[in-house]
Amino acid sequence: MSLAAELEQVFLDCFHAEYRTRLVGGAEEPLYQPASAERDAVIYYREDFAASALHEVAHWCIAGAERRNLEDYGYWYAPDGRDALQQREFELVEVLPQALEWHFALAAGVPFTVSVDNLLAPDSGGSEFAAAVLARARSFCSEPLPARGARYRDALAAHFDRDPLPAPAHFSLAEAAA
């Protein structure tokens, strides 16, 4: 079974019965489609990329019930080439999901990279953003994760036989910027 299939199965086991939501790879672009009377909600992630799967699950774990009824949770998305203001707005909403994704990545034993998601950004290194993601990821070592996030992280850790509660020292910008 591929890593992507394992991530999907862990998600299915954790959430399908309660939330009628599936994680599905193979998409050209990530997309969340809410459930309807005829079908389950679907979290689509890029191709078979584990990082994309974990990132999209992080967004789902943060989204409240109302947002989970909206396509892509009602978020805006501007592609590569955002101006400085758009990039700052993007980064403000991305700190929490990327910090949560980092916990998922550690639990699954896969690499994590902070992403500014904009190669044309004025500060494409994203050093302030990366520091904010690092601080938030470390804070989750002493504060609880969002409930669904903790549930998925713990299920990943059990599935991959890893420690579900990493120490702050497990989070390093040197590793996340690789």
N, C-alpha and C. Protein backbone atom coordinates (compact mmCIF):
# COMPACT_ATOMS: atom_id res chain seq x y z
N MET A 1 0.85 -1.18 0.00
CA MET A 1 0.00 0.00 0.00
C MET A 1 0.90 1.24 0.00
N SER A 2 0.61 2.21 -0.84
CA SER A 2 1.40 3.43 -0.92
C SER A 2 1.17 4.29 0.32
N LEU A 3 2.10 5.21 0.55
CA LEU A 3 1.95 6.13 1.67
C LEU A 3 0.66 6.93 1.54
N ALA A 4 0.38 7.41 0.33
CA ALA A 4 -0.85 8.18 0.11
C ALA A 4 -2.08 7.36 0.47
N ALA A 5 -2.10 6.10 0.07
CA ALA A 5 -3.24 5.23 0.39
C ALA A 5 -3.35 5.01 1.90
N GLU A 6 -2.21 4.91 2.57
CA GLU A 6 -2.25 4.75 4.03
C GLU A 6 -2.82 5.99 4.71
N LEU A 7 -2.41 7.17 4.25
CA LEU A 7 -2.95 8.41 4.82
C LEU A 7 -4.45 8.50 4.61
N GLU A 8 -4.90 8.12 3.43
CA GLU A 8 -6.34 8.11 3.12
C GLU A 8 -7.08 7.13 4.02
N GLN A 9 -6.52 5.94 4.22
CA GLN A 9 -7.18 4.93 5.03
C GLN A 9 -7.27 5.35 6.50
N VAL A 10 -6.20 5.92 7.02
CA VAL A 10 -6.22 6.40 8.40
C VAL A 10 -7.31 7.48 8.54
N PHE A 11 -7.39 8.39 7.57
CA PHE A 11 -8.42 9.42 7.60
C PHE A 11 -9.81 8.79 7.56
N LEU A 12 -10.02 7.86 6.65
CA LEU A 12 -11.31 7.19 6.52
C LEU A 12 -11.71 6.53 7.83
N ASP A 13 -10.77 5.81 8.43
CA ASP A 13 -11.05 5.12 9.69
C ASP A 13 -11.39 6.10 10.81
N CYS A 14 -10.74 7.25 10.81
CA CYS A 14 -10.96 8.25 11.86
C CYS A 14 -12.29 8.99 11.71
N PHE A 15 -12.65 9.35 10.48
CA PHE A 15 -13.69 10.36 10.32
C PHE A 15 -14.90 10.00 9.45
N HIS A 16 -14.82 8.96 8.65
CA HIS A 16 -15.91 8.74 7.70
C HIS A 16 -17.25 8.50 8.38
N ALA A 17 -17.28 7.66 9.38
CA ALA A 17 -18.55 7.33 10.03
C ALA A 17 -19.23 8.57 10.61
N GLU A 18 -18.45 9.43 11.21
CA GLU A 18 -19.02 10.61 11.88
C GLU A 18 -19.23 11.80 10.94
N TYR A 19 -18.32 11.99 9.99
CA TYR A 19 -18.35 13.21 9.17
C TYR A 19 -18.66 12.99 7.69
N ARG A 20 -18.82 11.73 7.27
CA ARG A 20 -19.08 11.43 5.85
C ARG A 20 -18.08 12.16 4.95
N THR A 21 -16.82 12.06 5.28
CA THR A 21 -15.77 12.76 4.53
C THR A 21 -14.68 11.78 4.16
N ARG A 22 -14.20 11.90 2.91
CA ARG A 22 -13.12 11.05 2.42
C ARG A 22 -11.96 11.93 1.96
N LEU A 23 -10.77 11.37 2.03
CA LEU A 23 -9.55 12.01 1.53
C LEU A 23 -9.17 11.28 0.25
N VAL A 24 -9.03 12.04 -0.85
CA VAL A 24 -8.81 11.42 -2.16
C VAL A 24 -7.68 12.14 -2.90
N GLY A 25 -6.70 11.40 -3.34
CA GLY A 25 -5.58 11.95 -4.10
C GLY A 25 -5.86 11.93 -5.59
N GLY A 26 -4.86 12.37 -6.34
CA GLY A 26 -4.96 12.33 -7.79
C GLY A 26 -5.45 13.61 -8.42
N ALA A 27 -5.69 14.64 -7.63
CA ALA A 27 -6.23 15.89 -8.17
C ALA A 27 -5.11 16.76 -8.74
N GLU A 28 -5.47 17.56 -9.75
CA GLU A 28 -4.52 18.54 -10.28
C GLU A 28 -4.28 19.66 -9.27
N GLU A 29 -5.33 20.04 -8.57
CA GLU A 29 -5.26 21.07 -7.53
C GLU A 29 -6.09 20.62 -6.34
N PRO A 30 -5.69 21.00 -5.13
CA PRO A 30 -6.49 20.64 -3.95
C PRO A 30 -7.86 21.30 -4.01
N LEU A 31 -8.85 20.63 -3.45
CA LEU A 31 -10.21 21.17 -3.41
C LEU A 31 -10.99 20.42 -2.35
N TYR A 32 -11.81 21.14 -1.61
CA TYR A 32 -12.74 20.51 -0.68
C TYR A 32 -14.14 20.68 -1.23
N GLN A 33 -14.86 19.56 -1.36
CA GLN A 33 -16.26 19.60 -1.79
C GLN A 33 -17.12 19.11 -0.62
N PRO A 34 -18.05 19.93 -0.17
CA PRO A 34 -18.90 19.52 0.95
C PRO A 34 -19.82 18.37 0.57
N ALA A 35 -20.32 17.70 1.57
CA ALA A 35 -21.25 16.59 1.35
C ALA A 35 -22.58 17.14 0.83
N SER A 36 -23.28 16.29 0.14
CA SER A 36 -24.65 16.58 -0.28
C SER A 36 -25.48 15.37 0.13
N ALA A 37 -26.74 15.41 -0.16
CA ALA A 37 -27.60 14.27 0.17
C ALA A 37 -27.14 13.01 -0.56
N GLU A 38 -26.56 13.19 -1.76
CA GLU A 38 -26.18 12.05 -2.59
C GLU A 38 -24.74 11.57 -2.40
N ARG A 39 -23.87 12.41 -1.86
CA ARG A 39 -22.46 12.01 -1.80
C ARG A 39 -21.77 12.53 -0.54
N ASP A 40 -20.68 11.86 -0.22
CA ASP A 40 -19.83 12.26 0.90
C ASP A 40 -19.10 13.55 0.57
N ALA A 41 -18.61 14.23 1.60
CA ALA A 41 -17.68 15.33 1.39
C ALA A 41 -16.35 14.71 0.96
N VAL A 42 -15.61 15.44 0.14
CA VAL A 42 -14.33 14.94 -0.35
C VAL A 42 -13.26 16.02 -0.20
N ILE A 43 -12.13 15.61 0.35
CA ILE A 43 -10.95 16.46 0.42
C ILE A 43 -10.01 15.94 -0.67
N TYR A 44 -9.88 16.68 -1.75
CA TYR A 44 -8.98 16.29 -2.83
C TYR A 44 -7.60 16.89 -2.57
N TYR A 45 -6.57 16.11 -2.79
CA TYR A 45 -5.21 16.62 -2.68
C TYR A 45 -4.44 16.31 -3.94
N ARG A 46 -3.34 17.02 -4.14
CA ARG A 46 -2.56 16.91 -5.38
C ARG A 46 -1.93 15.53 -5.54
N GLU A 47 -2.17 14.98 -6.69
CA GLU A 47 -1.55 13.73 -7.13
C GLU A 47 -1.52 12.72 -5.99
N ASP A 48 -0.32 12.23 -5.64
CA ASP A 48 -0.23 11.31 -4.50
C ASP A 48 0.75 11.86 -3.48
N PHE A 49 0.81 13.19 -3.39
CA PHE A 49 1.78 13.85 -2.52
C PHE A 49 1.30 13.82 -1.07
N ALA A 50 2.09 13.18 -0.21
CA ALA A 50 1.75 13.08 1.21
C ALA A 50 1.62 14.48 1.82
N ALA A 51 2.52 15.38 1.48
CA ALA A 51 2.47 16.73 2.04
C ALA A 51 1.16 17.41 1.69
N SER A 52 0.71 17.25 0.47
CA SER A 52 -0.56 17.86 0.06
C SER A 52 -1.72 17.24 0.83
N ALA A 53 -1.71 15.93 0.99
CA ALA A 53 -2.77 15.26 1.75
C ALA A 53 -2.81 15.78 3.18
N LEU A 54 -1.66 15.83 3.83
CA LEU A 54 -1.62 16.27 5.22
C LEU A 54 -2.01 17.74 5.36
N HIS A 55 -1.61 18.56 4.40
CA HIS A 55 -1.97 19.97 4.44
C HIS A 55 -3.48 20.15 4.29
N GLU A 56 -4.07 19.45 3.36
CA GLU A 56 -5.51 19.59 3.14
C GLU A 56 -6.30 19.05 4.33
N VAL A 57 -5.82 17.99 4.96
CA VAL A 57 -6.48 17.48 6.17
C VAL A 57 -6.38 18.52 7.28
N ALA A 58 -5.24 19.21 7.38
CA ALA A 58 -5.09 20.25 8.41
C ALA A 58 -6.15 21.33 8.23
N HIS A 59 -6.38 21.76 6.99
CA HIS A 59 -7.43 22.75 6.75
C HIS A 59 -8.79 22.22 7.19
N TRP A 60 -9.07 20.97 6.87
CA TRP A 60 -10.35 20.37 7.24
C TRP A 60 -10.50 20.30 8.76
N CYS A 61 -9.43 19.95 9.45
CA CYS A 61 -9.47 19.82 10.91
C CYS A 61 -9.72 21.16 11.60
N ILE A 62 -9.36 22.24 10.95
CA ILE A 62 -9.54 23.57 11.52
C ILE A 62 -10.91 24.15 11.17
N ALA A 63 -11.43 23.81 10.02
CA ALA A 63 -12.70 24.37 9.55
C ALA A 63 -13.86 23.97 10.46
N GLY A 64 -14.65 24.96 10.83
CA GLY A 64 -15.84 24.70 11.63
C GLY A 64 -16.96 24.11 10.79
N ALA A 65 -18.05 23.76 11.44
CA ALA A 65 -19.17 23.10 10.76
C ALA A 65 -19.72 23.94 9.60
N GLU A 66 -19.85 25.25 9.80
CA GLU A 66 -20.38 26.09 8.71
C GLU A 66 -19.44 26.11 7.51
N ARG A 67 -18.15 26.25 7.77
CA ARG A 67 -17.18 26.27 6.65
C ARG A 67 -17.14 24.93 5.93
N ARG A 68 -17.36 23.84 6.66
CA ARG A 68 -17.35 22.52 6.01
C ARG A 68 -18.57 22.32 5.11
N ASN A 69 -19.50 23.26 5.10
CA ASN A 69 -20.64 23.21 4.18
C ASN A 69 -20.39 24.05 2.93
N LEU A 70 -19.20 24.66 2.83
CA LEU A 70 -18.86 25.51 1.68
C LEU A 70 -17.74 24.90 0.87
N GLU A 71 -17.81 25.04 -0.45
CA GLU A 71 -16.71 24.57 -1.29
C GLU A 71 -15.43 25.30 -0.88
N ASP A 72 -14.37 24.52 -0.72
CA ASP A 72 -13.07 25.04 -0.27
C ASP A 72 -13.21 25.88 1.00
N TYR A 73 -14.19 25.53 1.81
CA TYR A 73 -14.45 26.18 3.11
C TYR A 73 -14.75 27.66 2.96
N GLY A 74 -15.05 28.10 1.75
CA GLY A 74 -15.34 29.51 1.52
C GLY A 74 -14.12 30.40 1.49
N TYR A 75 -12.91 29.80 1.46
CA TYR A 75 -11.68 30.58 1.44
C TYR A 75 -11.41 31.10 0.04
N TRP A 76 -10.72 32.23 -0.04
CA TRP A 76 -10.23 32.74 -1.31
C TRP A 76 -8.86 32.13 -1.55
N TYR A 77 -8.50 32.06 -2.77
CA TYR A 77 -7.15 31.60 -3.10
C TYR A 77 -6.68 32.38 -4.31
N ALA A 78 -5.52 32.98 -4.19
CA ALA A 78 -4.89 33.66 -5.32
C ALA A 78 -3.65 32.85 -5.68
N PRO A 79 -3.47 32.51 -6.93
CA PRO A 79 -2.33 31.68 -7.33
C PRO A 79 -1.00 32.43 -7.26
N ASP A 80 0.04 31.72 -7.64
CA ASP A 80 1.40 32.28 -7.69
C ASP A 80 1.36 33.67 -8.30
N GLY A 81 2.12 34.58 -7.73
CA GLY A 81 2.15 35.94 -8.24
C GLY A 81 1.37 36.91 -7.37
N ARG A 82 0.96 36.49 -6.15
CA ARG A 82 0.27 37.41 -5.25
C ARG A 82 1.16 38.61 -4.95
N ASP A 83 0.55 39.78 -4.78
CA ASP A 83 1.33 40.95 -4.38
C ASP A 83 1.65 40.84 -2.89
N ALA A 84 2.40 41.79 -2.37
CA ALA A 84 2.87 41.72 -0.97
C ALA A 84 1.71 41.67 0.01
N LEU A 85 0.66 42.45 -0.21
CA LEU A 85 -0.49 42.45 0.70
C LEU A 85 -1.23 41.11 0.64
N GLN A 86 -1.47 40.61 -0.56
CA GLN A 86 -2.13 39.31 -0.70
C GLN A 86 -1.29 38.21 -0.05
N GLN A 87 0.02 38.30 -0.21
CA GLN A 87 0.90 37.29 0.38
C GLN A 87 0.83 37.33 1.90
N ARG A 88 0.81 38.52 2.45
CA ARG A 88 0.70 38.65 3.92
C ARG A 88 -0.61 38.07 4.41
N GLU A 89 -1.70 38.36 3.72
CA GLU A 89 -3.01 37.80 4.10
C GLU A 89 -2.98 36.28 4.02
N PHE A 90 -2.38 35.75 2.97
CA PHE A 90 -2.25 34.30 2.82
C PHE A 90 -1.49 33.72 4.01
N GLU A 91 -0.36 34.33 4.34
CA GLU A 91 0.48 33.81 5.41
C GLU A 91 -0.23 33.86 6.76
N LEU A 92 -1.02 34.90 7.00
CA LEU A 92 -1.74 34.99 8.27
C LEU A 92 -2.69 33.81 8.47
N VAL A 93 -3.35 33.38 7.40
CA VAL A 93 -4.29 32.26 7.54
C VAL A 93 -3.62 30.90 7.41
N GLU A 94 -2.36 30.87 6.98
CA GLU A 94 -1.67 29.60 6.78
C GLU A 94 -0.83 29.14 7.96
N VAL A 95 -0.57 29.99 8.94
CA VAL A 95 0.26 29.60 10.07
C VAL A 95 -0.34 28.38 10.78
N LEU A 96 -1.59 28.46 11.15
CA LEU A 96 -2.22 27.38 11.91
C LEU A 96 -2.27 26.07 11.12
N PRO A 97 -2.77 26.05 9.88
CA PRO A 97 -2.79 24.76 9.17
C PRO A 97 -1.40 24.18 8.93
N GLN A 98 -0.41 25.03 8.66
CA GLN A 98 0.93 24.48 8.44
C GLN A 98 1.54 23.95 9.73
N ALA A 99 1.26 24.59 10.86
CA ALA A 99 1.73 24.07 12.14
C ALA A 99 1.10 22.72 12.44
N LEU A 100 -0.18 22.60 12.15
CA LEU A 100 -0.88 21.33 12.36
C LEU A 100 -0.37 20.27 11.39
N GLU A 101 -0.17 20.65 10.15
CA GLU A 101 0.40 19.74 9.15
C GLU A 101 1.76 19.20 9.62
N TRP A 102 2.56 20.05 10.24
CA TRP A 102 3.88 19.65 10.72
C TRP A 102 3.74 18.53 11.76
N HIS A 103 2.76 18.65 12.63
CA HIS A 103 2.50 17.59 13.62
C HIS A 103 2.08 16.30 12.92
N PHE A 104 1.25 16.41 11.91
CA PHE A 104 0.84 15.22 11.15
C PHE A 104 2.06 14.58 10.49
N ALA A 105 2.90 15.41 9.89
CA ALA A 105 4.09 14.89 9.20
C ALA A 105 5.00 14.13 10.17
N LEU A 106 5.23 14.69 11.34
CA LEU A 106 6.05 13.98 12.33
C LEU A 106 5.39 12.66 12.74
N ALA A 107 4.08 12.68 12.91
CA ALA A 107 3.37 11.46 13.31
C ALA A 107 3.43 10.38 12.22
N ALA A 108 3.48 10.82 10.97
CA ALA A 108 3.52 9.86 9.85
C ALA A 108 4.95 9.56 9.42
N GLY A 109 5.91 10.28 9.98
CA GLY A 109 7.31 10.05 9.62
C GLY A 109 7.67 10.54 8.24
N VAL A 110 7.03 11.63 7.81
CA VAL A 110 7.34 12.19 6.49
C VAL A 110 7.92 13.59 6.66
N PRO A 111 8.74 14.05 5.70
CA PRO A 111 9.33 15.39 5.81
C PRO A 111 8.26 16.47 5.75
N PHE A 112 8.55 17.58 6.38
CA PHE A 112 7.68 18.75 6.34
C PHE A 112 8.50 19.94 5.84
N THR A 113 7.89 20.74 4.98
CA THR A 113 8.51 21.96 4.49
C THR A 113 7.51 23.10 4.62
N VAL A 114 7.94 24.19 5.25
CA VAL A 114 7.10 25.39 5.30
C VAL A 114 6.94 25.87 3.87
N SER A 115 5.71 26.27 3.51
CA SER A 115 5.46 26.70 2.13
C SER A 115 4.81 28.08 2.09
N VAL A 116 5.48 29.03 1.40
CA VAL A 116 4.88 30.33 1.16
C VAL A 116 3.93 30.27 -0.04
N ASP A 117 3.98 29.15 -0.78
CA ASP A 117 3.06 28.90 -1.89
C ASP A 117 3.03 30.05 -2.90
N ASN A 118 4.17 30.69 -3.11
CA ASN A 118 4.21 31.80 -4.04
C ASN A 118 5.67 32.05 -4.41
N LEU A 119 6.11 31.44 -5.47
CA LEU A 119 7.50 31.59 -5.88
C LEU A 119 7.86 33.01 -6.29
N LEU A 120 6.84 33.80 -6.61
CA LEU A 120 7.08 35.18 -7.04
C LEU A 120 6.91 36.19 -5.91
N ALA A 121 6.73 35.70 -4.67
CA ALA A 121 6.53 36.60 -3.53
C ALA A 121 7.75 37.49 -3.34
N PRO A 122 7.53 38.74 -2.90
CA PRO A 122 8.66 39.64 -2.65
C PRO A 122 9.67 39.04 -1.66
N ASP A 123 9.19 38.34 -0.64
CA ASP A 123 10.07 37.65 0.31
C ASP A 123 9.81 36.16 0.13
N SER A 124 10.26 35.60 -0.97
CA SER A 124 9.94 34.20 -1.26
C SER A 124 10.60 33.24 -0.29
N GLY A 125 11.55 33.73 0.52
CA GLY A 125 12.13 32.89 1.56
C GLY A 125 11.17 32.68 2.72
N GLY A 126 10.29 33.67 2.95
CA GLY A 126 9.27 33.53 3.97
C GLY A 126 9.80 33.35 5.37
N SER A 127 10.92 33.99 5.71
CA SER A 127 11.56 33.73 7.00
C SER A 127 10.67 34.10 8.18
N GLU A 128 9.97 35.24 8.14
CA GLU A 128 9.05 35.60 9.22
C GLU A 128 7.91 34.61 9.30
N PHE A 129 7.40 34.24 8.15
CA PHE A 129 6.31 33.26 8.11
C PHE A 129 6.78 31.92 8.67
N ALA A 130 7.94 31.47 8.25
CA ALA A 130 8.46 30.19 8.75
C ALA A 130 8.64 30.23 10.26
N ALA A 131 9.12 31.35 10.79
CA ALA A 131 9.28 31.48 12.24
C ALA A 131 7.93 31.42 12.95
N ALA A 132 6.91 32.00 12.34
CA ALA A 132 5.56 31.96 12.93
C ALA A 132 5.01 30.54 12.93
N VAL A 133 5.24 29.80 11.83
CA VAL A 133 4.79 28.40 11.77
C VAL A 133 5.53 27.58 12.82
N LEU A 134 6.82 27.78 12.93
CA LEU A 134 7.62 27.07 13.92
C LEU A 134 7.10 27.34 15.34
N ALA A 135 6.86 28.60 15.67
CA ALA A 135 6.38 28.95 17.00
C ALA A 135 5.03 28.30 17.29
N ARG A 136 4.15 28.31 16.29
CA ARG A 136 2.82 27.70 16.50
C ARG A 136 2.94 26.19 16.62
N ALA A 137 3.77 25.56 15.83
CA ALA A 137 3.96 24.10 15.93
C ALA A 137 4.50 23.73 17.30
N ARG A 138 5.47 24.50 17.78
CA ARG A 138 6.02 24.23 19.11
C ARG A 138 4.99 24.46 20.20
N SER A 139 4.13 25.46 20.03
CA SER A 139 3.11 25.72 21.05
C SER A 139 2.15 24.54 21.19
N PHE A 140 1.95 23.81 20.10
CA PHE A 140 1.07 22.63 20.16
C PHE A 140 1.68 21.49 20.99
N CYS A 141 2.93 21.64 21.39
CA CYS A 141 3.55 20.62 22.25
C CYS A 141 3.05 20.75 23.68
N SER A 142 2.56 21.94 24.04
CA SER A 142 2.05 22.15 25.39
C SER A 142 0.58 22.54 25.42
N GLU A 143 0.02 22.90 24.28
CA GLU A 143 -1.39 23.24 24.17
C GLU A 143 -2.07 22.17 23.33
N PRO A 144 -3.35 21.95 23.56
CA PRO A 144 -4.03 20.93 22.75
C PRO A 144 -4.19 21.35 21.28
N LEU A 145 -4.10 20.38 20.41
CA LEU A 145 -4.41 20.60 19.00
C LEU A 145 -5.93 20.72 18.89
N PRO A 146 -6.43 21.28 17.78
CA PRO A 146 -7.88 21.20 17.54
C PRO A 146 -8.30 19.73 17.63
N ALA A 147 -9.49 19.46 18.11
CA ALA A 147 -9.92 18.09 18.44
C ALA A 147 -9.72 17.10 17.28
N ARG A 148 -10.17 17.46 16.08
CA ARG A 148 -10.01 16.53 14.96
C ARG A 148 -8.56 16.40 14.58
N GLY A 149 -7.79 17.47 14.74
CA GLY A 149 -6.35 17.41 14.47
C GLY A 149 -5.66 16.44 15.41
N ALA A 150 -5.99 16.50 16.68
CA ALA A 150 -5.40 15.58 17.66
C ALA A 150 -5.79 14.14 17.34
N ARG A 151 -7.02 13.96 16.93
CA ARG A 151 -7.51 12.61 16.59
C ARG A 151 -6.73 12.03 15.41
N TYR A 152 -6.53 12.84 14.37
CA TYR A 152 -5.81 12.36 13.20
C TYR A 152 -4.33 12.15 13.51
N ARG A 153 -3.72 13.11 14.22
CA ARG A 153 -2.31 12.96 14.60
C ARG A 153 -2.10 11.67 15.40
N ASP A 154 -2.97 11.42 16.37
CA ASP A 154 -2.83 10.23 17.20
C ASP A 154 -3.02 8.95 16.38
N ALA A 155 -3.97 8.98 15.44
CA ALA A 155 -4.20 7.81 14.58
C ALA A 155 -3.01 7.57 13.66
N LEU A 156 -2.44 8.66 13.12
CA LEU A 156 -1.24 8.51 12.28
C LEU A 156 -0.10 7.93 13.10
N ALA A 157 0.13 8.46 14.29
CA ALA A 157 1.22 7.98 15.14
C ALA A 157 1.04 6.51 15.47
N ALA A 158 -0.19 6.10 15.74
CA ALA A 158 -0.44 4.68 16.04
C ALA A 158 -0.19 3.83 14.80
N HIS A 159 -0.67 4.29 13.66
CA HIS A 159 -0.52 3.53 12.42
C HIS A 159 0.95 3.37 12.03
N PHE A 160 1.72 4.45 12.18
CA PHE A 160 3.13 4.43 11.78
C PHE A 160 4.08 4.14 12.94
N ASP A 161 3.51 3.78 14.09
CA ASP A 161 4.29 3.42 15.28
C ASP A 161 5.28 4.51 15.66
N ARG A 162 4.74 5.72 15.83
CA ARG A 162 5.58 6.87 16.18
C ARG A 162 4.99 7.55 17.42
N ASP A 163 5.77 8.42 18.04
CA ASP A 163 5.35 9.15 19.23
C ASP A 163 4.33 10.22 18.82
N PRO A 164 3.12 10.19 19.40
CA PRO A 164 2.13 11.20 19.02
C PRO A 164 2.38 12.57 19.65
N LEU A 165 3.23 12.63 20.67
CA LEU A 165 3.46 13.90 21.37
C LEU A 165 4.93 14.30 21.29
N PRO A 166 5.33 14.88 20.16
CA PRO A 166 6.74 15.27 20.02
C PRO A 166 7.10 16.43 20.94
N ALA A 167 8.37 16.51 21.28
CA ALA A 167 8.89 17.62 22.07
C ALA A 167 9.15 18.80 21.14
N PRO A 168 9.16 20.02 21.70
CA PRO A 168 9.44 21.20 20.86
C PRO A 168 10.75 21.07 20.06
N ALA A 169 11.71 20.36 20.59
CA ALA A 169 13.00 20.19 19.90
C ALA A 169 12.86 19.43 18.58
N HIS A 170 11.76 18.70 18.40
CA HIS A 170 11.54 17.98 17.15
C HIS A 170 11.19 18.91 15.99
N PHE A 171 10.93 20.17 16.30
CA PHE A 171 10.57 21.15 15.28
C PHE A 171 11.76 22.08 15.05
N SER A 172 12.25 22.10 13.81
CA SER A 172 13.44 22.88 13.48
C SER A 172 13.26 23.51 12.10
N LEU A 173 13.57 24.79 12.01
CA LEU A 173 13.47 25.45 10.72
C LEU A 173 14.47 24.89 9.71
N ALA A 174 15.60 24.40 10.19
CA ALA A 174 16.59 23.81 9.30
C ALA A 174 15.99 22.63 8.55
N GLU A 175 15.23 21.81 9.25
CA GLU A 175 14.61 20.65 8.61
C GLU A 175 13.40 21.06 7.78
N ALA A 176 12.64 22.05 8.23
CA ALA A 176 11.41 22.45 7.53
C ALA A 176 11.69 23.29 6.30
N ALA A 177 12.87 23.77 6.14
CA ALA A 177 13.20 24.59 4.96
C ALA A 177 13.95 23.79 3.90
N ALA A 178 14.16 22.52 4.18
CA ALA A 178 14.94 21.67 3.25
C ALA A 178 14.21 21.46 1.94
